[in-house]
Amino acid sequence: MASTKKLLDGFKRFQQQYFGDDNHLYQSMKDGQPAKTLMIACCDSRVDPAILTSCDPGDLFIVRNVANLVPPCESGGHYHGTSAALEFAVNGLEVENIIIMGHANCGGIKALWEDDGTVRSQFIHPWVSIANTAKEWVKQTLSNASPEEQIKACEQRAILQSLANLMTFSCIRERVENGTLSLHGWYFDISAGELFFFNSKTGSFLPVSAKQ
């Protein structure tokens, strides 16, 4: 467990690495961030996008929320943190890639899967209901699968739902259609230490080794 001392010691190492003798990276970013990839990931402490991809500061513009979900575009009287970040990344940073990265053993998807309408949290269940379509698809399509297979399928299907929801934002849809923006679905298997990507041709998640 990380204590505050561990965190502060970590900052000192970060400071020495990036603001010590070689401060070129942050000097090059002092007037703006160069990120061309938006990563939408889960809040889960085991799934840090920058660590998993060995990125430097400035490589990724990251949005993290419960269950790495993208809501559909809507302009109701609610707060829109994820949507605001999407808008800034696409219109402000002009990112070239958007990656939805889900993961195994996701607490948010578990809450969605186990929700029978009798016990609901104030915020979590309304939020994860964004992926209700994924849950219903699994229940109808994989009704005979094991519970483990079903929840894994729900985790992966929720990624596809978020990819579909991205296309409800006009700024994203226009860039995808003109070829200046690409959308990607990734799934990190925590137990196996494997990363999978969604292949639209096969309609399945394949290990990254299949790209090579």
N, C-alpha and C. Protein backbone atom coordinates (compact mmCIF):
# COMPACT_ATOMS: atom_id res chain seq x y z
N MET A 1 0.84 -1.19 0.00
CA MET A 1 0.00 0.00 0.00
C MET A 1 0.88 1.25 0.00
N ALA A 2 0.57 2.20 -0.86
CA ALA A 2 1.40 3.39 -0.99
C ALA A 2 1.07 4.39 0.12
N SER A 3 2.09 4.71 0.93
CA SER A 3 1.93 5.74 1.95
C SER A 3 2.21 7.09 1.32
N THR A 4 1.87 8.16 2.03
CA THR A 4 2.17 9.50 1.48
C THR A 4 3.68 9.69 1.34
N LYS A 5 4.47 9.08 2.23
CA LYS A 5 5.93 9.20 2.11
C LYS A 5 6.41 8.55 0.82
N LYS A 6 5.84 7.38 0.50
CA LYS A 6 6.23 6.71 -0.74
C LYS A 6 5.88 7.57 -1.95
N LEU A 7 4.73 8.22 -1.89
CA LEU A 7 4.32 9.08 -3.00
C LEU A 7 5.26 10.27 -3.15
N LEU A 8 5.63 10.88 -2.03
CA LEU A 8 6.52 12.05 -2.09
C LEU A 8 7.93 11.66 -2.53
N ASP A 9 8.38 10.50 -2.07
CA ASP A 9 9.68 10.01 -2.53
C ASP A 9 9.63 9.74 -4.03
N GLY A 10 8.50 9.22 -4.48
CA GLY A 10 8.33 8.98 -5.92
C GLY A 10 8.36 10.28 -6.71
N PHE A 11 7.76 11.32 -6.15
CA PHE A 11 7.80 12.61 -6.85
C PHE A 11 9.22 13.14 -6.95
N LYS A 12 10.01 12.93 -5.91
CA LYS A 12 11.40 13.40 -5.94
C LYS A 12 12.17 12.70 -7.06
N ARG A 13 11.92 11.40 -7.24
CA ARG A 13 12.59 10.68 -8.34
C ARG A 13 12.10 11.19 -9.69
N PHE A 14 10.81 11.44 -9.79
CA PHE A 14 10.24 12.00 -11.02
C PHE A 14 10.87 13.37 -11.31
N GLN A 15 10.97 14.19 -10.28
CA GLN A 15 11.52 15.54 -10.43
C GLN A 15 12.96 15.49 -10.91
N GLN A 16 13.73 14.57 -10.33
CA GLN A 16 15.12 14.44 -10.74
C GLN A 16 15.23 13.96 -12.18
N GLN A 17 14.35 13.02 -12.56
CA GLN A 17 14.41 12.46 -13.90
C GLN A 17 14.03 13.47 -14.97
N TYR A 18 12.99 14.26 -14.71
CA TYR A 18 12.45 15.13 -15.76
C TYR A 18 12.79 16.60 -15.60
N PHE A 19 13.26 17.02 -14.39
CA PHE A 19 13.59 18.42 -14.17
C PHE A 19 15.02 18.58 -13.63
N GLY A 20 15.79 17.50 -13.70
CA GLY A 20 17.17 17.55 -13.25
C GLY A 20 18.08 18.00 -14.37
N ASP A 21 19.13 17.21 -14.60
CA ASP A 21 20.11 17.58 -15.62
C ASP A 21 19.51 17.57 -17.02
N ASP A 22 18.57 16.66 -17.26
CA ASP A 22 17.94 16.57 -18.58
C ASP A 22 16.47 16.95 -18.46
N ASN A 23 16.16 18.21 -18.72
CA ASN A 23 14.78 18.68 -18.60
C ASN A 23 14.16 19.00 -19.96
N HIS A 24 14.73 18.38 -21.01
CA HIS A 24 14.29 18.70 -22.38
C HIS A 24 12.82 18.38 -22.59
N LEU A 25 12.36 17.26 -22.05
CA LEU A 25 10.99 16.84 -22.34
C LEU A 25 9.98 17.88 -21.86
N TYR A 26 10.08 18.27 -20.60
CA TYR A 26 9.10 19.22 -20.09
C TYR A 26 9.32 20.63 -20.64
N GLN A 27 10.56 20.96 -20.97
CA GLN A 27 10.80 22.25 -21.62
C GLN A 27 10.08 22.30 -22.97
N SER A 28 10.06 21.17 -23.65
CA SER A 28 9.41 21.12 -24.96
C SER A 28 7.88 21.18 -24.85
N MET A 29 7.36 20.94 -23.64
CA MET A 29 5.91 20.92 -23.46
C MET A 29 5.41 22.08 -22.60
N LYS A 30 6.25 23.05 -22.32
CA LYS A 30 5.85 24.10 -21.38
C LYS A 30 4.70 24.96 -21.89
N ASP A 31 4.51 25.00 -23.20
CA ASP A 31 3.44 25.83 -23.76
C ASP A 31 2.23 25.02 -24.23
N GLY A 32 2.25 23.72 -24.03
CA GLY A 32 1.12 22.91 -24.45
C GLY A 32 1.47 21.44 -24.46
N GLN A 33 0.45 20.60 -24.52
CA GLN A 33 0.68 19.16 -24.51
C GLN A 33 0.59 18.59 -25.92
N PRO A 34 1.48 17.67 -26.26
CA PRO A 34 1.55 17.15 -27.63
C PRO A 34 0.77 15.86 -27.87
N ALA A 35 0.04 15.38 -26.87
CA ALA A 35 -0.60 14.06 -26.97
C ALA A 35 -1.48 13.95 -28.21
N LYS A 36 -1.32 12.85 -28.94
CA LYS A 36 -2.14 12.58 -30.12
C LYS A 36 -2.98 11.32 -29.94
N THR A 37 -2.97 10.76 -28.73
CA THR A 37 -3.79 9.60 -28.42
C THR A 37 -4.58 9.86 -27.15
N LEU A 38 -5.88 9.66 -27.24
CA LEU A 38 -6.75 9.74 -26.07
C LEU A 38 -7.01 8.32 -25.59
N MET A 39 -6.76 8.08 -24.32
CA MET A 39 -7.01 6.77 -23.71
C MET A 39 -8.12 6.92 -22.69
N ILE A 40 -9.18 6.15 -22.86
CA ILE A 40 -10.27 6.13 -21.88
C ILE A 40 -10.15 4.83 -21.12
N ALA A 41 -9.81 4.93 -19.85
CA ALA A 41 -9.50 3.75 -19.04
C ALA A 41 -10.30 3.78 -17.75
N CYS A 42 -10.23 2.68 -17.02
CA CYS A 42 -10.95 2.55 -15.76
C CYS A 42 -10.17 3.20 -14.62
N CYS A 43 -10.88 3.55 -13.55
CA CYS A 43 -10.24 4.11 -12.36
C CYS A 43 -9.41 3.07 -11.60
N ASP A 44 -9.60 1.81 -11.90
CA ASP A 44 -8.96 0.71 -11.18
C ASP A 44 -7.46 0.96 -11.00
N SER A 45 -6.99 0.83 -9.77
CA SER A 45 -5.59 1.14 -9.46
C SER A 45 -4.60 0.18 -10.10
N ARG A 46 -5.09 -0.97 -10.59
CA ARG A 46 -4.21 -1.96 -11.22
C ARG A 46 -4.01 -1.70 -12.71
N VAL A 47 -4.75 -0.73 -13.23
CA VAL A 47 -4.77 -0.54 -14.69
C VAL A 47 -4.41 0.90 -15.01
N ASP A 48 -3.14 1.23 -14.89
CA ASP A 48 -2.66 2.57 -15.20
C ASP A 48 -2.19 2.60 -16.65
N PRO A 49 -2.85 3.34 -17.53
CA PRO A 49 -2.52 3.31 -18.96
C PRO A 49 -1.07 3.66 -19.27
N ALA A 50 -0.53 4.67 -18.61
CA ALA A 50 0.84 5.09 -18.90
C ALA A 50 1.84 4.03 -18.49
N ILE A 51 1.60 3.37 -17.35
CA ILE A 51 2.49 2.31 -16.90
C ILE A 51 2.39 1.09 -17.82
N LEU A 52 1.15 0.71 -18.17
CA LEU A 52 0.96 -0.47 -19.01
C LEU A 52 1.59 -0.31 -20.38
N THR A 53 1.65 0.92 -20.89
CA THR A 53 2.19 1.15 -22.23
C THR A 53 3.57 1.79 -22.21
N SER A 54 4.15 1.93 -21.04
CA SER A 54 5.49 2.50 -20.89
C SER A 54 5.61 3.86 -21.58
N CYS A 55 4.63 4.71 -21.36
CA CYS A 55 4.62 6.02 -22.01
C CYS A 55 5.31 7.08 -21.15
N ASP A 56 5.81 8.09 -21.81
CA ASP A 56 6.37 9.26 -21.14
C ASP A 56 5.26 10.30 -20.93
N PRO A 57 5.47 11.25 -20.02
CA PRO A 57 4.53 12.36 -19.91
C PRO A 57 4.36 13.04 -21.28
N GLY A 58 3.14 13.37 -21.61
CA GLY A 58 2.87 14.02 -22.89
C GLY A 58 2.45 13.07 -23.99
N ASP A 59 2.62 11.76 -23.78
CA ASP A 59 2.26 10.80 -24.83
C ASP A 59 0.76 10.55 -24.89
N LEU A 60 0.11 10.50 -23.73
CA LEU A 60 -1.31 10.14 -23.67
C LEU A 60 -2.13 11.24 -23.00
N PHE A 61 -3.29 11.50 -23.57
CA PHE A 61 -4.31 12.29 -22.89
C PHE A 61 -5.27 11.27 -22.32
N ILE A 62 -5.41 11.23 -20.99
CA ILE A 62 -6.09 10.11 -20.35
C ILE A 62 -7.36 10.56 -19.63
N VAL A 63 -8.43 9.82 -19.87
CA VAL A 63 -9.67 9.98 -19.12
C VAL A 63 -9.90 8.67 -18.38
N ARG A 64 -10.09 8.76 -17.08
CA ARG A 64 -10.36 7.55 -16.29
C ARG A 64 -11.68 7.72 -15.56
N ASN A 65 -12.52 6.72 -15.67
CA ASN A 65 -13.78 6.72 -14.94
C ASN A 65 -14.16 5.28 -14.59
N VAL A 66 -15.22 5.10 -13.85
CA VAL A 66 -15.65 3.77 -13.46
C VAL A 66 -16.03 2.96 -14.71
N ALA A 67 -15.33 1.85 -14.92
CA ALA A 67 -15.60 0.90 -16.01
C ALA A 67 -15.28 1.42 -17.40
N ASN A 68 -14.43 2.46 -17.48
CA ASN A 68 -13.96 2.99 -18.77
C ASN A 68 -15.10 3.16 -19.77
N LEU A 69 -16.15 3.84 -19.35
CA LEU A 69 -17.33 4.00 -20.19
C LEU A 69 -17.39 5.36 -20.87
N VAL A 70 -17.95 5.37 -22.07
CA VAL A 70 -18.25 6.60 -22.78
C VAL A 70 -19.77 6.73 -22.86
N PRO A 71 -20.33 7.81 -22.34
CA PRO A 71 -21.78 7.98 -22.44
C PRO A 71 -22.14 8.42 -23.86
N PRO A 72 -23.38 8.20 -24.28
CA PRO A 72 -23.79 8.74 -25.58
C PRO A 72 -23.84 10.26 -25.51
N CYS A 73 -23.68 10.90 -26.64
CA CYS A 73 -23.73 12.36 -26.68
C CYS A 73 -25.14 12.83 -26.34
N GLU A 74 -25.26 13.69 -25.36
CA GLU A 74 -26.55 14.28 -25.02
C GLU A 74 -26.29 15.59 -24.30
N SER A 75 -27.26 16.47 -24.35
CA SER A 75 -27.06 17.82 -23.81
C SER A 75 -28.03 18.13 -22.68
N GLY A 76 -28.38 17.12 -21.91
CA GLY A 76 -29.29 17.31 -20.79
C GLY A 76 -28.64 18.10 -19.68
N GLY A 77 -29.39 18.38 -18.64
CA GLY A 77 -28.89 19.21 -17.56
C GLY A 77 -28.06 18.45 -16.56
N HIS A 78 -27.02 17.82 -17.01
CA HIS A 78 -26.14 17.04 -16.14
C HIS A 78 -24.70 17.49 -16.34
N TYR A 79 -23.82 17.01 -15.48
CA TYR A 79 -22.40 17.29 -15.64
C TYR A 79 -21.82 16.30 -16.64
N HIS A 80 -20.90 16.77 -17.46
CA HIS A 80 -20.41 15.95 -18.56
C HIS A 80 -18.88 15.91 -18.58
N GLY A 81 -18.29 15.36 -17.53
CA GLY A 81 -16.83 15.33 -17.45
C GLY A 81 -16.18 14.56 -18.57
N THR A 82 -16.66 13.35 -18.84
CA THR A 82 -16.07 12.53 -19.89
C THR A 82 -16.31 13.16 -21.25
N SER A 83 -17.50 13.66 -21.49
CA SER A 83 -17.82 14.28 -22.77
C SER A 83 -16.98 15.54 -22.99
N ALA A 84 -16.76 16.31 -21.94
CA ALA A 84 -15.93 17.51 -22.05
C ALA A 84 -14.51 17.15 -22.42
N ALA A 85 -13.99 16.08 -21.82
CA ALA A 85 -12.64 15.64 -22.14
C ALA A 85 -12.54 15.16 -23.58
N LEU A 86 -13.58 14.46 -24.06
CA LEU A 86 -13.62 14.04 -25.46
C LEU A 86 -13.57 15.24 -26.39
N GLU A 87 -14.40 16.22 -26.08
CA GLU A 87 -14.46 17.41 -26.92
C GLU A 87 -13.11 18.12 -26.98
N PHE A 88 -12.46 18.26 -25.83
CA PHE A 88 -11.16 18.93 -25.81
C PHE A 88 -10.10 18.14 -26.56
N ALA A 89 -10.08 16.82 -26.34
CA ALA A 89 -9.08 15.98 -27.00
C ALA A 89 -9.21 16.03 -28.52
N VAL A 90 -10.46 16.00 -28.99
CA VAL A 90 -10.69 15.95 -30.44
C VAL A 90 -10.56 17.33 -31.07
N ASN A 91 -11.22 18.32 -30.50
CA ASN A 91 -11.21 19.66 -31.11
C ASN A 91 -10.00 20.48 -30.72
N GLY A 92 -9.50 20.29 -29.50
CA GLY A 92 -8.37 21.08 -29.03
C GLY A 92 -7.02 20.45 -29.37
N LEU A 93 -6.84 19.19 -28.98
CA LEU A 93 -5.56 18.52 -29.23
C LEU A 93 -5.50 17.87 -30.60
N GLU A 94 -6.66 17.68 -31.22
CA GLU A 94 -6.75 17.01 -32.52
C GLU A 94 -6.07 15.64 -32.47
N VAL A 95 -6.48 14.84 -31.48
CA VAL A 95 -5.91 13.50 -31.35
C VAL A 95 -6.20 12.67 -32.60
N GLU A 96 -5.33 11.72 -32.85
CA GLU A 96 -5.46 10.87 -34.03
C GLU A 96 -5.98 9.48 -33.69
N ASN A 97 -5.96 9.14 -32.40
CA ASN A 97 -6.44 7.83 -31.94
C ASN A 97 -7.22 8.00 -30.65
N ILE A 98 -8.31 7.25 -30.53
CA ILE A 98 -9.02 7.13 -29.26
C ILE A 98 -9.08 5.64 -28.92
N ILE A 99 -8.59 5.30 -27.74
CA ILE A 99 -8.55 3.91 -27.29
C ILE A 99 -9.44 3.75 -26.06
N ILE A 100 -10.38 2.82 -26.14
CA ILE A 100 -11.13 2.41 -24.95
C ILE A 100 -10.43 1.19 -24.39
N MET A 101 -9.90 1.29 -23.17
CA MET A 101 -9.20 0.15 -22.59
C MET A 101 -9.94 -0.39 -21.38
N GLY A 102 -10.59 -1.53 -21.57
CA GLY A 102 -11.24 -2.22 -20.47
C GLY A 102 -10.30 -3.24 -19.86
N HIS A 103 -10.79 -3.95 -18.85
CA HIS A 103 -9.90 -4.91 -18.19
C HIS A 103 -10.72 -5.99 -17.49
N ALA A 104 -10.04 -7.07 -17.16
CA ALA A 104 -10.65 -8.17 -16.44
C ALA A 104 -10.92 -7.79 -14.98
N ASN A 105 -11.87 -8.48 -14.37
CA ASN A 105 -12.19 -8.28 -12.95
C ASN A 105 -12.52 -6.82 -12.65
N CYS A 106 -13.35 -6.23 -13.51
CA CYS A 106 -13.72 -4.82 -13.36
C CYS A 106 -14.88 -4.70 -12.38
N GLY A 107 -14.68 -3.94 -11.32
CA GLY A 107 -15.71 -3.77 -10.31
C GLY A 107 -16.94 -3.06 -10.84
N GLY A 108 -16.74 -2.11 -11.75
CA GLY A 108 -17.87 -1.40 -12.32
C GLY A 108 -18.77 -2.30 -13.15
N ILE A 109 -18.16 -3.15 -13.96
CA ILE A 109 -18.94 -4.08 -14.77
C ILE A 109 -19.59 -5.15 -13.89
N LYS A 110 -18.91 -5.53 -12.82
CA LYS A 110 -19.51 -6.48 -11.86
C LYS A 110 -20.77 -5.89 -11.25
N ALA A 111 -20.71 -4.59 -10.91
CA ALA A 111 -21.88 -3.92 -10.35
C ALA A 111 -23.02 -3.91 -11.35
N LEU A 112 -22.70 -3.66 -12.61
CA LEU A 112 -23.70 -3.69 -13.67
C LEU A 112 -24.30 -5.09 -13.80
N TRP A 113 -23.44 -6.10 -13.83
CA TRP A 113 -23.87 -7.46 -14.06
C TRP A 113 -24.77 -7.98 -12.93
N GLU A 114 -24.45 -7.61 -11.71
CA GLU A 114 -25.17 -8.13 -10.56
C GLU A 114 -26.40 -7.29 -10.19
N ASP A 115 -26.59 -6.17 -10.86
CA ASP A 115 -27.71 -5.29 -10.54
C ASP A 115 -29.04 -5.90 -10.95
N ASP A 116 -29.87 -6.20 -9.97
CA ASP A 116 -31.21 -6.73 -10.27
C ASP A 116 -32.30 -5.71 -9.96
N GLY A 117 -31.88 -4.48 -9.69
CA GLY A 117 -32.84 -3.42 -9.45
C GLY A 117 -33.29 -3.29 -8.02
N THR A 118 -32.82 -4.16 -7.13
CA THR A 118 -33.28 -4.12 -5.74
C THR A 118 -32.38 -3.28 -4.85
N VAL A 119 -31.07 -3.30 -5.13
CA VAL A 119 -30.12 -2.50 -4.35
C VAL A 119 -29.28 -1.68 -5.32
N ARG A 120 -29.40 -0.38 -5.21
CA ARG A 120 -28.68 0.48 -6.16
C ARG A 120 -27.92 1.55 -5.40
N SER A 121 -26.71 1.83 -5.86
CA SER A 121 -25.92 2.91 -5.28
C SER A 121 -26.44 4.24 -5.81
N GLN A 122 -26.01 5.31 -5.19
CA GLN A 122 -26.47 6.63 -5.62
C GLN A 122 -25.90 7.02 -6.98
N PHE A 123 -24.64 6.68 -7.21
CA PHE A 123 -23.98 7.13 -8.43
C PHE A 123 -23.50 6.00 -9.34
N ILE A 124 -22.98 4.91 -8.74
CA ILE A 124 -22.33 3.87 -9.55
C ILE A 124 -23.31 3.19 -10.50
N HIS A 125 -24.43 2.72 -9.99
CA HIS A 125 -25.35 1.98 -10.85
C HIS A 125 -25.95 2.83 -11.97
N PRO A 126 -26.35 4.07 -11.70
CA PRO A 126 -26.81 4.90 -12.82
C PRO A 126 -25.72 5.10 -13.89
N TRP A 127 -24.47 5.21 -13.44
CA TRP A 127 -23.38 5.41 -14.39
C TRP A 127 -23.13 4.17 -15.24
N VAL A 128 -22.99 3.01 -14.60
CA VAL A 128 -22.67 1.80 -15.36
C VAL A 128 -23.84 1.32 -16.22
N SER A 129 -25.03 1.86 -15.97
CA SER A 129 -26.17 1.49 -16.82
C SER A 129 -25.95 1.91 -18.26
N ILE A 130 -24.95 2.74 -18.51
CA ILE A 130 -24.56 3.08 -19.88
C ILE A 130 -24.32 1.81 -20.68
N ALA A 131 -23.85 0.77 -20.00
CA ALA A 131 -23.50 -0.49 -20.68
C ALA A 131 -24.59 -1.54 -20.56
N ASN A 132 -25.81 -1.15 -20.26
CA ASN A 132 -26.90 -2.12 -20.15
C ASN A 132 -27.08 -2.95 -21.41
N THR A 133 -26.86 -2.32 -22.57
CA THR A 133 -27.01 -3.05 -23.83
C THR A 133 -26.03 -4.22 -23.90
N ALA A 134 -24.82 -4.00 -23.39
CA ALA A 134 -23.81 -5.07 -23.36
C ALA A 134 -24.27 -6.20 -22.46
N LYS A 135 -24.79 -5.87 -21.30
CA LYS A 135 -25.28 -6.88 -20.36
C LYS A 135 -26.40 -7.71 -21.00
N GLU A 136 -27.35 -7.05 -21.62
CA GLU A 136 -28.48 -7.77 -22.23
C GLU A 136 -28.01 -8.65 -23.39
N TRP A 137 -27.03 -8.18 -24.15
CA TRP A 137 -26.50 -8.97 -25.27
C TRP A 137 -25.90 -10.27 -24.75
N VAL A 138 -25.13 -10.18 -23.68
CA VAL A 138 -24.49 -11.37 -23.11
C VAL A 138 -25.55 -12.33 -22.57
N LYS A 139 -26.54 -11.80 -21.87
CA LYS A 139 -27.58 -12.67 -21.30
C LYS A 139 -28.34 -13.41 -22.39
N GLN A 140 -28.57 -12.77 -23.51
CA GLN A 140 -29.31 -13.40 -24.60
C GLN A 140 -28.44 -14.33 -25.44
N THR A 141 -27.20 -13.91 -25.67
CA THR A 141 -26.34 -14.64 -26.59
C THR A 141 -25.55 -15.75 -25.92
N LEU A 142 -25.18 -15.55 -24.66
CA LEU A 142 -24.32 -16.51 -23.95
C LEU A 142 -25.01 -17.03 -22.70
N SER A 143 -26.27 -17.33 -22.82
CA SER A 143 -27.04 -17.75 -21.66
C SER A 143 -26.55 -19.07 -21.06
N ASN A 144 -25.89 -19.90 -21.86
CA ASN A 144 -25.41 -21.20 -21.38
C ASN A 144 -23.93 -21.17 -20.97
N ALA A 145 -23.30 -20.02 -21.07
CA ALA A 145 -21.88 -19.92 -20.71
C ALA A 145 -21.73 -19.89 -19.19
N SER A 146 -20.51 -20.14 -18.73
CA SER A 146 -20.23 -20.09 -17.29
C SER A 146 -20.30 -18.64 -16.81
N PRO A 147 -20.50 -18.42 -15.51
CA PRO A 147 -20.53 -17.05 -14.99
C PRO A 147 -19.25 -16.28 -15.31
N GLU A 148 -18.11 -16.97 -15.27
CA GLU A 148 -16.84 -16.31 -15.57
C GLU A 148 -16.78 -15.87 -17.03
N GLU A 149 -17.26 -16.72 -17.92
CA GLU A 149 -17.27 -16.38 -19.34
C GLU A 149 -18.25 -15.24 -19.62
N GLN A 150 -19.36 -15.24 -18.91
CA GLN A 150 -20.36 -14.19 -19.12
C GLN A 150 -19.84 -12.82 -18.70
N ILE A 151 -19.22 -12.74 -17.54
CA ILE A 151 -18.77 -11.42 -17.08
C ILE A 151 -17.61 -10.91 -17.92
N LYS A 152 -16.74 -11.83 -18.37
CA LYS A 152 -15.67 -11.42 -19.28
C LYS A 152 -16.26 -10.89 -20.58
N ALA A 153 -17.27 -11.57 -21.09
CA ALA A 153 -17.93 -11.11 -22.32
C ALA A 153 -18.58 -9.76 -22.11
N CYS A 154 -19.15 -9.55 -20.92
CA CYS A 154 -19.77 -8.27 -20.62
C CYS A 154 -18.73 -7.15 -20.56
N GLU A 155 -17.58 -7.44 -19.95
CA GLU A 155 -16.49 -6.45 -19.91
C GLU A 155 -16.07 -6.06 -21.31
N GLN A 156 -15.96 -7.04 -22.18
CA GLN A 156 -15.51 -6.76 -23.55
C GLN A 156 -16.63 -6.11 -24.37
N ARG A 157 -17.85 -6.56 -24.17
CA ARG A 157 -18.97 -5.98 -24.92
C ARG A 157 -19.21 -4.52 -24.53
N ALA A 158 -18.92 -4.19 -23.27
CA ALA A 158 -19.06 -2.80 -22.83
C ALA A 158 -18.08 -1.89 -23.56
N ILE A 159 -16.91 -2.42 -23.88
CA ILE A 159 -15.95 -1.66 -24.68
C ILE A 159 -16.56 -1.32 -26.03
N LEU A 160 -17.21 -2.30 -26.65
CA LEU A 160 -17.83 -2.07 -27.96
C LEU A 160 -18.97 -1.07 -27.85
N GLN A 161 -19.70 -1.10 -26.74
CA GLN A 161 -20.77 -0.11 -26.55
C GLN A 161 -20.20 1.29 -26.47
N SER A 162 -19.08 1.43 -25.77
CA SER A 162 -18.44 2.75 -25.67
C SER A 162 -17.91 3.21 -27.02
N LEU A 163 -17.38 2.29 -27.81
CA LEU A 163 -16.93 2.65 -29.16
C LEU A 163 -18.11 3.15 -29.99
N ALA A 164 -19.24 2.48 -29.87
CA ALA A 164 -20.44 2.92 -30.59
C ALA A 164 -20.89 4.30 -30.10
N ASN A 165 -20.82 4.52 -28.79
CA ASN A 165 -21.22 5.80 -28.24
C ASN A 165 -20.31 6.94 -28.69
N LEU A 166 -19.04 6.63 -28.92
CA LEU A 166 -18.13 7.66 -29.44
C LEU A 166 -18.66 8.24 -30.75
N MET A 167 -19.25 7.38 -31.56
CA MET A 167 -19.71 7.81 -32.88
C MET A 167 -20.97 8.67 -32.81
N THR A 168 -21.56 8.83 -31.62
CA THR A 168 -22.70 9.74 -31.48
C THR A 168 -22.26 11.19 -31.32
N PHE A 169 -20.95 11.41 -31.13
CA PHE A 169 -20.41 12.77 -31.05
C PHE A 169 -20.04 13.21 -32.47
N SER A 170 -20.64 14.28 -32.94
CA SER A 170 -20.44 14.69 -34.33
C SER A 170 -18.98 15.00 -34.64
N CYS A 171 -18.25 15.60 -33.68
CA CYS A 171 -16.85 15.94 -33.94
C CYS A 171 -16.02 14.68 -34.13
N ILE A 172 -16.38 13.60 -33.46
CA ILE A 172 -15.67 12.33 -33.60
C ILE A 172 -16.09 11.63 -34.89
N ARG A 173 -17.39 11.56 -35.11
CA ARG A 173 -17.89 10.87 -36.31
C ARG A 173 -17.32 11.48 -37.58
N GLU A 174 -17.28 12.80 -37.66
CA GLU A 174 -16.76 13.47 -38.86
C GLU A 174 -15.30 13.12 -39.11
N ARG A 175 -14.50 13.08 -38.05
CA ARG A 175 -13.08 12.79 -38.21
C ARG A 175 -12.84 11.31 -38.54
N VAL A 176 -13.65 10.43 -37.95
CA VAL A 176 -13.53 9.02 -38.30
C VAL A 176 -13.88 8.81 -39.77
N GLU A 177 -14.93 9.45 -40.21
CA GLU A 177 -15.38 9.28 -41.59
C GLU A 177 -14.41 9.87 -42.60
N ASN A 178 -13.69 10.93 -42.22
CA ASN A 178 -12.72 11.49 -43.18
C ASN A 178 -11.31 10.93 -43.01
N GLY A 179 -11.16 9.97 -42.09
CA GLY A 179 -9.90 9.24 -41.96
C GLY A 179 -8.83 9.90 -41.11
N THR A 180 -9.17 10.95 -40.37
CA THR A 180 -8.17 11.62 -39.53
C THR A 180 -8.18 11.14 -38.07
N LEU A 181 -9.11 10.26 -37.74
CA LEU A 181 -9.22 9.75 -36.38
C LEU A 181 -9.58 8.27 -36.43
N SER A 182 -8.86 7.48 -35.60
CA SER A 182 -9.12 6.04 -35.53
C SER A 182 -9.57 5.66 -34.13
N LEU A 183 -10.51 4.73 -34.04
CA LEU A 183 -11.02 4.26 -32.76
C LEU A 183 -10.55 2.83 -32.51
N HIS A 184 -10.20 2.53 -31.25
CA HIS A 184 -9.65 1.22 -30.91
C HIS A 184 -10.25 0.71 -29.61
N GLY A 185 -10.46 -0.60 -29.52
CA GLY A 185 -10.90 -1.24 -28.29
C GLY A 185 -9.85 -2.20 -27.78
N TRP A 186 -9.38 -2.00 -26.54
CA TRP A 186 -8.37 -2.86 -25.93
C TRP A 186 -8.93 -3.48 -24.64
N TYR A 187 -8.39 -4.65 -24.31
CA TYR A 187 -8.82 -5.35 -23.10
C TYR A 187 -7.60 -5.95 -22.42
N PHE A 188 -7.39 -5.57 -21.17
CA PHE A 188 -6.23 -6.05 -20.41
C PHE A 188 -6.66 -7.16 -19.46
N ASP A 189 -6.07 -8.34 -19.64
CA ASP A 189 -6.32 -9.49 -18.77
C ASP A 189 -5.32 -9.42 -17.63
N ILE A 190 -5.79 -9.04 -16.46
CA ILE A 190 -4.89 -8.83 -15.32
C ILE A 190 -4.19 -10.11 -14.90
N SER A 191 -4.92 -11.22 -14.81
CA SER A 191 -4.33 -12.48 -14.35
C SER A 191 -3.24 -12.98 -15.29
N ALA A 192 -3.50 -12.89 -16.58
CA ALA A 192 -2.55 -13.41 -17.57
C ALA A 192 -1.49 -12.40 -17.96
N GLY A 193 -1.71 -11.13 -17.64
CA GLY A 193 -0.77 -10.10 -18.07
C GLY A 193 -0.76 -9.94 -19.58
N GLU A 194 -1.92 -10.11 -20.20
CA GLU A 194 -2.03 -10.04 -21.67
C GLU A 194 -2.94 -8.88 -22.08
N LEU A 195 -2.60 -8.28 -23.21
CA LEU A 195 -3.42 -7.21 -23.78
C LEU A 195 -4.04 -7.71 -25.07
N PHE A 196 -5.33 -7.45 -25.23
CA PHE A 196 -6.06 -7.87 -26.42
C PHE A 196 -6.62 -6.64 -27.13
N PHE A 197 -6.75 -6.72 -28.43
CA PHE A 197 -7.34 -5.63 -29.20
C PHE A 197 -8.53 -6.15 -29.98
N PHE A 198 -9.52 -5.30 -30.19
CA PHE A 198 -10.71 -5.72 -30.93
C PHE A 198 -10.42 -5.67 -32.42
N ASN A 199 -10.64 -6.79 -33.08
CA ASN A 199 -10.47 -6.89 -34.52
C ASN A 199 -11.85 -6.83 -35.16
N SER A 200 -12.14 -5.76 -35.86
CA SER A 200 -13.47 -5.58 -36.44
C SER A 200 -13.76 -6.59 -37.54
N LYS A 201 -12.70 -7.14 -38.16
CA LYS A 201 -12.92 -8.11 -39.24
C LYS A 201 -13.39 -9.45 -38.69
N THR A 202 -12.83 -9.85 -37.55
CA THR A 202 -13.23 -11.13 -36.94
C THR A 202 -14.33 -10.96 -35.91
N GLY A 203 -14.54 -9.71 -35.46
CA GLY A 203 -15.54 -9.46 -34.43
C GLY A 203 -15.15 -10.01 -33.08
N SER A 204 -13.84 -10.10 -32.83
CA SER A 204 -13.37 -10.68 -31.56
C SER A 204 -12.15 -9.95 -31.06
N PHE A 205 -11.83 -10.18 -29.79
CA PHE A 205 -10.62 -9.61 -29.19
C PHE A 205 -9.47 -10.59 -29.38
N LEU A 206 -8.38 -10.11 -29.94
CA LEU A 206 -7.22 -10.94 -30.22
C LEU A 206 -6.01 -10.43 -29.45
N PRO A 207 -5.08 -11.30 -29.09
CA PRO A 207 -3.87 -10.85 -28.38
C PRO A 207 -3.05 -9.94 -29.28
N VAL A 208 -2.36 -8.98 -28.66
CA VAL A 208 -1.59 -8.02 -29.43
C VAL A 208 -0.53 -8.72 -30.29
N SER A 209 -0.10 -9.92 -29.90
CA SER A 209 0.88 -10.65 -30.70
C SER A 209 0.35 -10.95 -32.09
N ALA A 210 -0.98 -10.98 -32.26
CA ALA A 210 -1.57 -11.26 -33.57
C ALA A 210 -1.38 -10.12 -34.54
N LYS A 211 -1.02 -8.92 -34.02
CA LYS A 211 -0.74 -7.78 -34.88
C LYS A 211 0.62 -7.88 -35.53
N GLN A 212 1.48 -8.72 -34.97
CA GLN A 212 2.86 -8.80 -35.46
C GLN A 212 3.01 -9.78 -36.61
